[in-house]
Amino acid sequence: MENETAFAAFIEVWLHDQLGVNQVLTELLKLVILVTLMLLIALILWFLAQQIINRFVNRLVKRTNTNFDDILQEKRVFRKLGHIIPVVVISWLTPVVFTDYPEFIPTANRITSVFNVLIIIRVLHHFINALQVYLAQSHKYHDKPIASYTQLGKILIWAVGTLILASLIIGKNPLYMFTALGAVSAVLILVFKDTILGFIASIQLSVNNMIRIGDWVSIPKYGADGDVIEINLTTVKVRNWDNTISTVPTYSFISDSFKNWRGMQESGGRRIKRAVNLKISSIRLADEEMLQRFEKIELVREYIKDRRVQITRHNAENQADTEASIVNGRRMTNIGVFRAYIRNYLSRNSNLNQEMIHMVRQMDPTEHGVPLEIYCFSKIKTWVEYEIIQSDLFDHILAVVPYFDLEVFEVPAGSDFQKLANLNSN
């Protein structure tokens, strides 16, 4: 410091003795020269630091095996860290520059301290951004709500940094600011209610593995049905199937009901569950003529033969007089043969997962007929292919209904009534 003080004295002698400047103006010009030199030195050192970071650090980063330092470099963490150098230089030279104005030194030191804190806050902010990118690229954490925790980290950094900045500006101990903060904690809780609820929800979602990035979720209350693309501290973004984006409060996944399709996506198939309504009046006992026609259908030929043997044995054992009436004893029905046909058709369909349950069941009759429900699982789970498989399946089922002397129930249309009216008029 003695060399720097001697340099300041040299400038004063040079201005006063050699140039003949009066004492008052000498002190002012000396201050201007020292401030200019200080800023120039700080600027040069900042430039050199940036050049070193851009060249040396870049080369060093490329040689390492880890990917984290590359992300730090991409997020400009090292460059932000280099901003500390000129501030440190200015802080170091401040006592020399303001030798003749010692009352300015505390204020100057306070300003440099404020800049130091701001730079540290920015460095930590960019470091958290880099950490978020690194964890998002990690196989272990790519589907976790990392953004929630990084956002909370940024909030804490800026909150603590702001309190430290305020304490520096007003000249109070930072502990005093934290003590004063406790007095308004109720107001802060009210202001940051959504943030606090979102953070708690993020922890619960992560610990209980309720949703991940990439999950297909359905939330009817918010009109969201699609893939989770982002989980933040306060919101979850869902890309719907029409490519719109729904923003859902994070806490809603804890407080409200939602459906996560991950179980289906990770299983061996996607469920197909749909019914065909058959007209009740078309259901009848199968006589010999019908059975002979049905036996020509390959998928039910063996079924009919086996059932013939079982029914004949049963009727003989119970001495049923099947000649007197068709309702005596046991007989097959056209809907029963149709159910057998669909079961065999499902078991031979290569698009269905045969290791998972598949069945055809008759539901309770309604005013819309008898529902015949098909329950099975498609091997392919992606939406477009799944819909094609499901459509092909029911295209075939609806097309073969008439071959079993059955009819699909339909609510009469206006044209049906018009045809009926024309028949009556004729």
Protein backbone atom coordinates (compact mmCIF):
# COMPACT_ATOMS: atom_id res chain seq x y z
CA MET A 1 0.00 0.00 0.00
CA GLU A 2 2.99 2.27 0.56
CA ASN A 3 3.87 2.11 -3.17
CA GLU A 4 0.32 3.09 -4.08
CA THR A 5 0.38 5.99 -1.60
CA ALA A 6 3.72 7.10 -3.01
CA PHE A 7 2.19 7.00 -6.49
CA ALA A 8 -0.64 9.26 -5.32
CA ALA A 9 1.94 11.63 -3.77
CA PHE A 10 3.90 11.62 -7.05
CA ILE A 11 0.81 12.72 -8.99
CA GLU A 12 0.18 15.49 -6.47
CA VAL A 13 3.80 16.75 -6.74
CA TRP A 14 3.67 16.54 -10.53
CA LEU A 15 0.47 18.59 -10.71
CA HIS A 16 1.37 21.16 -8.07
CA ASP A 17 5.11 21.65 -8.49
CA GLN A 18 5.73 20.90 -12.16
CA LEU A 19 2.46 22.06 -13.74
CA GLY A 20 1.78 24.83 -11.23
CA VAL A 21 -1.79 23.82 -10.45
CA ASN A 22 -3.19 25.29 -7.22
CA GLN A 23 -3.70 23.02 -4.23
CA VAL A 24 -7.51 22.73 -4.40
CA LEU A 25 -7.54 21.91 -8.09
CA THR A 26 -4.57 19.56 -7.59
CA GLU A 27 -6.53 17.42 -5.13
CA LEU A 28 -9.54 17.34 -7.46
CA LEU A 29 -7.47 16.43 -10.55
CA LYS A 30 -5.55 13.82 -8.56
CA LEU A 31 -8.85 12.22 -7.55
CA VAL A 32 -10.07 12.21 -11.17
CA ILE A 33 -6.80 10.69 -12.40
CA LEU A 34 -6.76 8.02 -9.68
CA VAL A 35 -10.42 7.11 -10.26
CA THR A 36 -9.80 6.91 -14.03
CA LEU A 37 -6.71 4.73 -13.52
CA MET A 38 -8.56 2.52 -11.04
CA LEU A 39 -11.46 1.97 -13.47
CA LEU A 40 -9.03 1.43 -16.36
CA ILE A 41 -7.05 -1.17 -14.39
CA ALA A 42 -10.27 -2.89 -13.33
CA LEU A 43 -11.51 -2.92 -16.96
CA ILE A 44 -8.22 -4.32 -18.27
CA LEU A 45 -8.13 -7.05 -15.61
CA TRP A 46 -11.79 -7.90 -16.36
CA PHE A 47 -10.97 -8.19 -20.06
CA LEU A 48 -7.93 -10.38 -19.34
CA ALA A 49 -9.98 -12.57 -17.02
CA GLN A 50 -12.64 -13.07 -19.70
CA GLN A 51 -9.97 -13.96 -22.27
CA ILE A 52 -8.40 -16.47 -19.90
CA ILE A 53 -11.79 -18.00 -19.16
CA ASN A 54 -12.75 -18.14 -22.84
CA ARG A 55 -9.49 -19.78 -23.92
CA PHE A 56 -7.87 -21.64 -21.05
CA VAL A 57 -11.03 -22.74 -19.24
CA ASN A 58 -12.70 -23.74 -22.51
CA ARG A 59 -9.76 -25.99 -23.40
CA LEU A 60 -9.68 -27.46 -19.91
CA VAL A 61 -13.43 -28.15 -20.00
CA LYS A 62 -13.19 -29.95 -23.34
CA ARG A 63 -10.48 -32.27 -22.03
CA THR A 64 -12.44 -33.49 -19.01
CA ASN A 65 -14.65 -36.56 -19.14
CA THR A 66 -17.50 -35.13 -17.10
CA ASN A 67 -20.34 -33.24 -18.77
CA PHE A 68 -21.09 -30.97 -15.82
CA ASP A 69 -18.24 -28.50 -16.49
CA ASP A 70 -19.42 -28.20 -20.11
CA ILE A 71 -22.85 -27.17 -18.85
CA LEU A 72 -21.26 -24.71 -16.42
CA GLN A 73 -19.38 -23.19 -19.33
CA GLU A 74 -22.52 -23.10 -21.49
CA LYS A 75 -24.48 -21.37 -18.71
CA ARG A 76 -21.67 -18.76 -18.39
CA VAL A 77 -20.96 -19.57 -14.74
CA PHE A 78 -17.19 -19.10 -15.13
CA ARG A 79 -17.65 -15.80 -16.98
CA LYS A 80 -19.95 -14.51 -14.26
CA LEU A 81 -17.36 -15.56 -11.68
CA GLY A 82 -14.76 -13.48 -13.54
CA HIS A 83 -16.76 -10.31 -12.78
CA ILE A 84 -15.52 -10.49 -9.18
CA ILE A 85 -11.95 -9.59 -10.22
CA PRO A 86 -12.57 -5.89 -11.14
CA VAL A 87 -14.72 -5.41 -8.04
CA VAL A 88 -11.92 -6.83 -5.84
CA VAL A 89 -9.39 -4.53 -7.57
CA ILE A 90 -11.60 -1.49 -7.00
CA SER A 91 -12.08 -2.46 -3.35
CA TRP A 92 -8.32 -2.83 -2.93
CA LEU A 93 -7.50 0.53 -4.56
CA THR A 94 -10.28 2.54 -2.87
CA PRO A 95 -8.12 3.69 0.13
CA VAL A 96 -5.47 5.00 -2.31
CA VAL A 97 -7.91 6.81 -4.57
CA PHE A 98 -9.71 8.56 -1.73
CA THR A 99 -6.60 9.41 0.30
CA ASP A 100 -7.63 13.06 0.47
CA TYR A 101 -11.31 12.21 1.09
CA PRO A 102 -11.31 9.50 3.78
CA GLU A 103 -14.99 10.13 4.54
CA PHE A 104 -15.86 8.62 1.12
CA ILE A 105 -14.01 5.35 1.78
CA PRO A 106 -16.80 3.64 3.84
CA THR A 107 -19.39 4.55 1.17
CA ALA A 108 -17.15 3.28 -1.63
CA ASN A 109 -16.46 0.05 0.26
CA ARG A 110 -20.17 -0.38 0.82
CA ILE A 111 -20.88 0.03 -2.91
CA THR A 112 -18.20 -2.51 -3.86
CA SER A 113 -19.59 -4.91 -1.25
CA VAL A 114 -23.05 -4.54 -2.81
CA PHE A 115 -21.61 -5.36 -6.24
CA ASN A 116 -19.77 -8.34 -4.78
CA VAL A 117 -23.00 -9.73 -3.31
CA LEU A 118 -24.85 -9.15 -6.61
CA ILE A 119 -22.16 -11.01 -8.54
CA ILE A 120 -22.23 -13.92 -6.08
CA ILE A 121 -26.03 -14.08 -6.36
CA ARG A 122 -25.80 -14.14 -10.16
CA VAL A 123 -23.11 -16.83 -10.09
CA LEU A 124 -25.21 -19.02 -7.80
CA HIS A 125 -28.28 -18.37 -9.96
CA HIS A 126 -26.50 -19.55 -13.11
CA PHE A 127 -24.94 -22.46 -11.21
CA ILE A 128 -28.42 -23.68 -10.26
CA ASN A 129 -29.50 -23.35 -13.91
CA ALA A 130 -26.54 -25.51 -14.92
CA LEU A 131 -27.32 -28.02 -12.18
CA GLN A 132 -30.93 -28.25 -13.40
CA VAL A 133 -29.81 -28.97 -16.97
CA TYR A 134 -27.29 -31.56 -15.77
CA LEU A 135 -29.84 -33.40 -13.63
CA ALA A 136 -32.48 -33.21 -16.37
CA GLN A 137 -30.04 -34.99 -18.71
CA SER A 138 -29.30 -37.65 -16.11
CA HIS A 139 -31.14 -40.95 -16.59
CA LYS A 140 -31.77 -41.15 -12.85
CA TYR A 141 -33.38 -37.72 -12.47
CA HIS A 142 -34.67 -36.81 -15.96
CA ASP A 143 -38.30 -37.56 -15.03
CA LYS A 144 -38.18 -36.02 -11.53
CA PRO A 145 -39.54 -32.53 -10.67
CA ILE A 146 -36.05 -30.99 -10.58
CA ALA A 147 -37.37 -27.56 -11.63
CA SER A 148 -39.36 -27.32 -8.39
CA TYR A 149 -36.25 -27.64 -6.24
CA THR A 150 -34.08 -25.40 -8.41
CA GLN A 151 -36.75 -22.70 -8.39
CA LEU A 152 -36.91 -22.92 -4.61
CA GLY A 153 -33.13 -22.66 -4.48
CA LYS A 154 -33.23 -19.51 -6.61
CA ILE A 155 -35.91 -17.99 -4.40
CA LEU A 156 -33.85 -18.68 -1.27
CA ILE A 157 -30.68 -17.28 -2.86
CA TRP A 158 -32.39 -14.08 -3.94
CA ALA A 159 -34.23 -13.75 -0.63
CA VAL A 160 -31.06 -14.12 1.46
CA GLY A 161 -29.10 -12.00 -1.01
CA THR A 162 -31.70 -9.23 -0.89
CA LEU A 163 -31.58 -9.17 2.92
CA ILE A 164 -27.77 -8.95 2.84
CA LEU A 165 -27.93 -6.16 0.25
CA ALA A 166 -30.46 -4.25 2.35
CA SER A 167 -28.27 -4.63 5.43
CA LEU A 168 -25.26 -3.30 3.50
CA ILE A 169 -27.18 -0.33 2.13
CA ILE A 170 -28.64 0.77 5.46
CA GLY A 171 -25.51 -0.20 7.42
CA LYS A 172 -27.17 -2.75 9.71
CA ASN A 173 -26.05 -6.23 10.72
CA PRO A 174 -27.64 -8.93 8.50
CA LEU A 175 -28.90 -10.65 11.67
CA TYR A 176 -30.95 -7.55 12.35
CA MET A 177 -32.64 -7.95 8.96
CA PHE A 178 -33.43 -11.61 9.63
CA THR A 179 -34.89 -10.65 13.02
CA ALA A 180 -37.08 -7.99 11.40
CA LEU A 181 -38.13 -10.54 8.80
CA GLY A 182 -39.57 -12.75 11.54
CA ALA A 183 -41.96 -9.96 12.50
CA VAL A 184 -43.58 -10.01 9.06
CA SER A 185 -43.45 -13.78 8.61
CA ALA A 186 -47.28 -14.03 8.59
CA VAL A 187 -47.47 -11.61 5.66
CA LEU A 188 -44.70 -13.47 3.83
CA ILE A 189 -46.50 -16.79 4.30
CA LEU A 190 -49.63 -15.25 2.79
CA VAL A 191 -47.69 -13.79 -0.14
CA PHE A 192 -45.78 -17.00 -0.84
CA LYS A 193 -48.69 -19.34 -0.11
CA ASP A 194 -48.73 -20.84 -3.61
CA THR A 195 -44.97 -21.29 -3.56
CA ILE A 196 -45.04 -23.06 -0.20
CA LEU A 197 -47.95 -25.31 -1.23
CA GLY A 198 -46.23 -26.05 -4.54
CA PHE A 199 -42.98 -26.98 -2.81
CA ILE A 200 -44.77 -29.33 -0.40
CA ALA A 201 -46.69 -30.85 -3.31
CA SER A 202 -43.48 -31.32 -5.31
CA ILE A 203 -41.92 -33.24 -2.44
CA GLN A 204 -45.01 -35.46 -2.10
CA LEU A 205 -45.18 -36.06 -5.86
CA SER A 206 -41.51 -36.99 -5.95
CA VAL A 207 -41.44 -39.15 -2.82
CA ASN A 208 -44.64 -41.02 -3.71
CA ASN A 209 -43.69 -41.21 -7.41
CA MET A 210 -47.12 -39.91 -8.39
CA ILE A 211 -46.14 -38.14 -11.62
CA ARG A 212 -43.02 -37.88 -13.72
CA ILE A 213 -42.06 -35.85 -16.75
CA GLY A 214 -43.33 -37.80 -19.74
CA ASP A 215 -46.32 -39.34 -17.94
CA TRP A 216 -49.71 -39.27 -19.65
CA VAL A 217 -52.17 -37.72 -17.18
CA SER A 218 -55.85 -36.81 -17.38
CA ILE A 219 -57.26 -34.04 -15.15
CA PRO A 220 -60.87 -33.36 -16.20
CA LYS A 221 -61.22 -30.44 -13.77
CA TYR A 222 -58.59 -28.45 -15.68
CA GLY A 223 -59.31 -29.88 -19.12
CA ALA A 224 -55.82 -31.41 -19.26
CA ASP A 225 -55.24 -34.69 -21.06
CA GLY A 226 -51.75 -35.35 -22.38
CA ASP A 227 -48.06 -35.68 -21.51
CA VAL A 228 -46.37 -33.89 -18.60
CA ILE A 229 -43.61 -31.74 -20.10
CA GLU A 230 -42.55 -29.68 -17.09
CA ILE A 231 -42.96 -29.76 -13.32
CA ASN A 232 -42.25 -26.43 -11.64
CA LEU A 233 -42.53 -25.17 -8.11
CA THR A 234 -46.06 -23.83 -8.57
CA THR A 235 -47.31 -25.32 -11.86
CA VAL A 236 -47.24 -28.49 -13.94
CA LYS A 237 -47.38 -28.07 -17.72
CA VAL A 238 -49.29 -30.68 -19.72
CA ARG A 239 -49.12 -30.89 -23.50
CA ASN A 240 -52.59 -31.99 -24.58
CA TRP A 241 -53.21 -34.21 -27.59
CA ASP A 242 -54.28 -31.20 -29.66
CA ASN A 243 -50.83 -29.64 -28.88
CA THR A 244 -52.30 -27.01 -26.56
CA ILE A 245 -50.58 -26.50 -23.21
CA SER A 246 -52.53 -26.74 -19.95
CA THR A 247 -51.01 -25.20 -16.84
CA VAL A 248 -52.17 -26.96 -13.69
CA PRO A 249 -51.28 -25.89 -10.12
CA THR A 250 -48.83 -28.39 -8.63
CA TYR A 251 -50.83 -28.67 -5.44
CA SER A 252 -53.89 -29.80 -7.45
CA PHE A 253 -52.20 -33.16 -8.00
CA ILE A 254 -52.37 -33.63 -4.22
CA SER A 255 -55.74 -32.07 -3.45
CA ASP A 256 -57.72 -33.17 -6.54
CA SER A 257 -58.24 -36.44 -8.38
CA PHE A 258 -56.33 -37.21 -11.58
CA LYS A 259 -55.54 -40.24 -13.71
CA ASN A 260 -51.98 -41.30 -14.52
CA TRP A 261 -51.71 -43.69 -17.49
CA ARG A 262 -48.13 -44.73 -16.65
CA GLY A 263 -49.27 -48.13 -15.37
CA MET A 264 -50.86 -48.87 -18.72
CA GLN A 265 -47.79 -47.66 -20.62
CA GLU A 266 -45.46 -49.83 -18.54
CA SER A 267 -47.72 -52.90 -18.75
CA GLY A 268 -47.97 -55.40 -21.58
CA GLY A 269 -50.97 -53.82 -23.26
CA ARG A 270 -53.58 -51.09 -23.42
CA ARG A 271 -57.11 -52.01 -22.49
CA ILE A 272 -59.94 -52.24 -25.02
CA LYS A 273 -63.33 -52.14 -23.30
CA ARG A 274 -66.32 -51.49 -25.52
CA ALA A 275 -69.79 -53.00 -25.97
CA VAL A 276 -71.99 -53.80 -28.95
CA ASN A 277 -75.71 -53.45 -28.23
CA LEU A 278 -77.73 -56.29 -29.75
CA LYS A 279 -81.45 -56.07 -30.43
CA ILE A 280 -83.29 -58.27 -27.90
CA SER A 281 -85.92 -59.41 -30.42
CA SER A 282 -83.17 -60.91 -32.60
CA ILE A 283 -81.98 -63.29 -29.87
CA ARG A 284 -83.43 -66.82 -30.25
CA LEU A 285 -82.79 -70.49 -29.67
CA ALA A 286 -80.73 -72.10 -32.41
CA ASP A 287 -82.58 -74.76 -34.38
CA GLU A 288 -80.88 -77.42 -36.50
CA GLU A 289 -80.99 -75.32 -39.64
CA MET A 290 -79.23 -72.44 -37.89
CA LEU A 291 -76.62 -74.73 -36.37
CA GLN A 292 -75.82 -76.24 -39.73
CA ARG A 293 -75.22 -72.77 -41.12
CA PHE A 294 -73.13 -71.77 -38.11
CA GLU A 295 -70.98 -74.90 -38.45
CA LYS A 296 -69.71 -73.57 -41.75
CA ILE A 297 -68.01 -70.75 -39.78
CA GLU A 298 -64.53 -72.03 -38.96
CA LEU A 299 -64.07 -70.25 -35.61
CA VAL A 300 -67.18 -71.86 -34.05
CA ARG A 301 -67.18 -75.26 -35.78
CA GLU A 302 -65.45 -77.12 -32.94
CA TYR A 303 -67.43 -75.19 -30.34
CA ILE A 304 -70.74 -76.30 -31.87
CA LYS A 305 -69.61 -79.93 -32.10
CA ASP A 306 -68.54 -80.00 -28.45
CA ARG A 307 -71.71 -78.27 -27.32
CA ARG A 308 -73.86 -80.70 -29.33
CA VAL A 309 -72.32 -83.63 -27.44
CA GLN A 310 -72.76 -81.95 -24.03
CA ILE A 311 -76.35 -80.88 -24.70
CA THR A 312 -77.38 -84.26 -26.15
CA ARG A 313 -75.95 -86.06 -23.12
CA HIS A 314 -77.66 -83.66 -20.71
CA ASN A 315 -81.06 -83.92 -22.42
CA ALA A 316 -80.82 -87.71 -22.54
CA GLU A 317 -79.94 -87.92 -18.85
CA ASN A 318 -82.87 -85.64 -17.97
CA GLN A 319 -85.24 -87.27 -20.49
CA ALA A 320 -86.10 -83.95 -22.10
CA ASP A 321 -88.73 -84.20 -24.83
CA THR A 322 -86.99 -82.01 -27.40
CA GLU A 323 -89.32 -83.20 -30.18
CA ALA A 324 -92.43 -81.79 -28.50
CA SER A 325 -91.07 -78.26 -28.13
CA ILE A 326 -87.86 -76.46 -28.90
CA VAL A 327 -87.79 -74.96 -25.40
CA ASN A 328 -87.59 -78.39 -23.76
CA GLY A 329 -84.16 -79.28 -22.45
CA ARG A 330 -81.00 -77.37 -23.23
CA ARG A 331 -80.24 -75.73 -26.56
CA MET A 332 -77.69 -73.34 -28.00
CA THR A 333 -78.62 -69.76 -28.79
CA ASN A 334 -77.44 -67.56 -31.60
CA ILE A 335 -76.03 -65.02 -29.13
CA GLY A 336 -74.15 -67.78 -27.30
CA VAL A 337 -72.58 -69.01 -30.55
CA PHE A 338 -71.76 -65.38 -31.40
CA ARG A 339 -69.99 -64.95 -28.05
CA ALA A 340 -67.95 -68.07 -28.74
CA TYR A 341 -67.06 -66.69 -32.18
CA ILE A 342 -65.78 -63.40 -30.71
CA ARG A 343 -63.75 -65.22 -28.00
CA ASN A 344 -62.03 -67.36 -30.62
CA TYR A 345 -61.51 -64.33 -32.85
CA LEU A 346 -59.82 -62.47 -29.97
CA SER A 347 -57.59 -65.44 -29.16
CA ARG A 348 -56.33 -65.52 -32.78
CA ASN A 349 -55.82 -61.77 -33.17
CA SER A 350 -52.05 -61.11 -33.33
CA ASN A 351 -52.51 -57.45 -32.32
CA LEU A 352 -53.82 -58.44 -28.87
CA ASN A 353 -51.74 -59.52 -25.89
CA GLN A 354 -52.78 -63.13 -25.37
CA GLU A 355 -51.03 -63.27 -21.97
CA MET A 356 -53.43 -60.71 -20.57
CA ILE A 357 -57.12 -61.27 -19.89
CA HIS A 358 -59.56 -61.21 -22.80
CA MET A 359 -63.22 -62.05 -22.54
CA VAL A 360 -66.69 -61.41 -23.94
CA ARG A 361 -69.42 -60.80 -21.39
CA GLN A 362 -73.11 -60.07 -21.54
CA MET A 363 -74.17 -57.01 -19.56
CA ASP A 364 -77.59 -56.21 -18.10
CA PRO A 365 -80.26 -55.63 -20.77
CA THR A 366 -81.38 -52.02 -21.14
CA GLU A 367 -83.79 -50.06 -23.28
CA HIS A 368 -80.98 -50.03 -25.87
CA GLY A 369 -80.75 -53.82 -26.13
CA VAL A 370 -78.35 -56.37 -24.70
CA PRO A 371 -74.78 -55.01 -24.39
CA LEU A 372 -72.14 -57.55 -25.40
CA GLU A 373 -68.90 -56.17 -23.96
CA ILE A 374 -65.49 -57.03 -25.40
CA TYR A 375 -62.66 -56.79 -22.87
CA CYS A 376 -59.05 -57.31 -24.04
CA PHE A 377 -55.64 -55.62 -24.31
CA SER A 378 -53.87 -54.27 -27.35
CA LYS A 379 -50.15 -55.02 -27.64
CA ILE A 380 -49.47 -51.60 -29.13
CA LYS A 381 -50.11 -48.75 -26.69
CA THR A 382 -49.45 -45.64 -28.77
CA TRP A 383 -52.62 -43.71 -29.41
CA VAL A 384 -52.92 -43.83 -33.22
CA GLU A 385 -52.01 -47.52 -33.59
CA TYR A 386 -54.21 -48.44 -30.64
CA GLU A 387 -57.24 -46.74 -32.18
CA ILE A 388 -56.60 -48.50 -35.50
CA ILE A 389 -56.48 -51.91 -33.79
CA GLN A 390 -59.64 -51.17 -31.80
CA SER A 391 -61.48 -49.92 -34.89
CA ASP A 392 -60.45 -52.94 -36.97
CA LEU A 393 -61.66 -55.25 -34.22
CA PHE A 394 -65.12 -53.70 -34.01
CA ASP A 395 -65.37 -53.24 -37.77
CA HIS A 396 -65.19 -57.02 -38.03
CA ILE A 397 -67.53 -57.71 -35.11
CA LEU A 398 -70.22 -55.36 -36.42
CA ALA A 399 -69.89 -56.81 -39.91
CA VAL A 400 -70.42 -60.45 -38.80
CA VAL A 401 -73.41 -59.79 -36.51
CA PRO A 402 -76.01 -60.56 -39.28
CA TYR A 403 -74.38 -63.94 -39.98
CA PHE A 404 -75.60 -65.10 -36.57
CA ASP A 405 -79.18 -63.92 -37.19
CA LEU A 406 -78.64 -61.03 -34.80
CA GLU A 407 -79.22 -57.30 -35.18
CA VAL A 408 -77.37 -54.32 -33.76
CA PHE A 409 -79.66 -51.95 -31.86
CA GLU A 410 -80.11 -48.50 -33.36
CA VAL A 411 -82.34 -45.66 -32.31
CA PRO A 412 -84.78 -45.06 -35.21
CA ALA A 413 -83.89 -42.13 -37.43
CA GLY A 414 -86.28 -39.76 -39.21
CA SER A 415 -85.85 -41.69 -42.46
CA ASP A 416 -87.01 -44.88 -40.72
CA PHE A 417 -90.28 -43.25 -39.67
CA GLN A 418 -90.72 -41.88 -43.17
CA LYS A 419 -90.34 -45.39 -44.67
CA LEU A 420 -92.85 -46.73 -42.17
CA ALA A 421 -95.32 -43.99 -43.07
CA ASN A 422 -94.91 -44.74 -46.78
CA LEU A 423 -95.61 -48.45 -46.18
CA ASN A 424 -98.75 -47.67 -44.21
CA SER A 425 -100.01 -45.29 -46.89
CA ASN A 426 -99.56 -47.97 -49.54
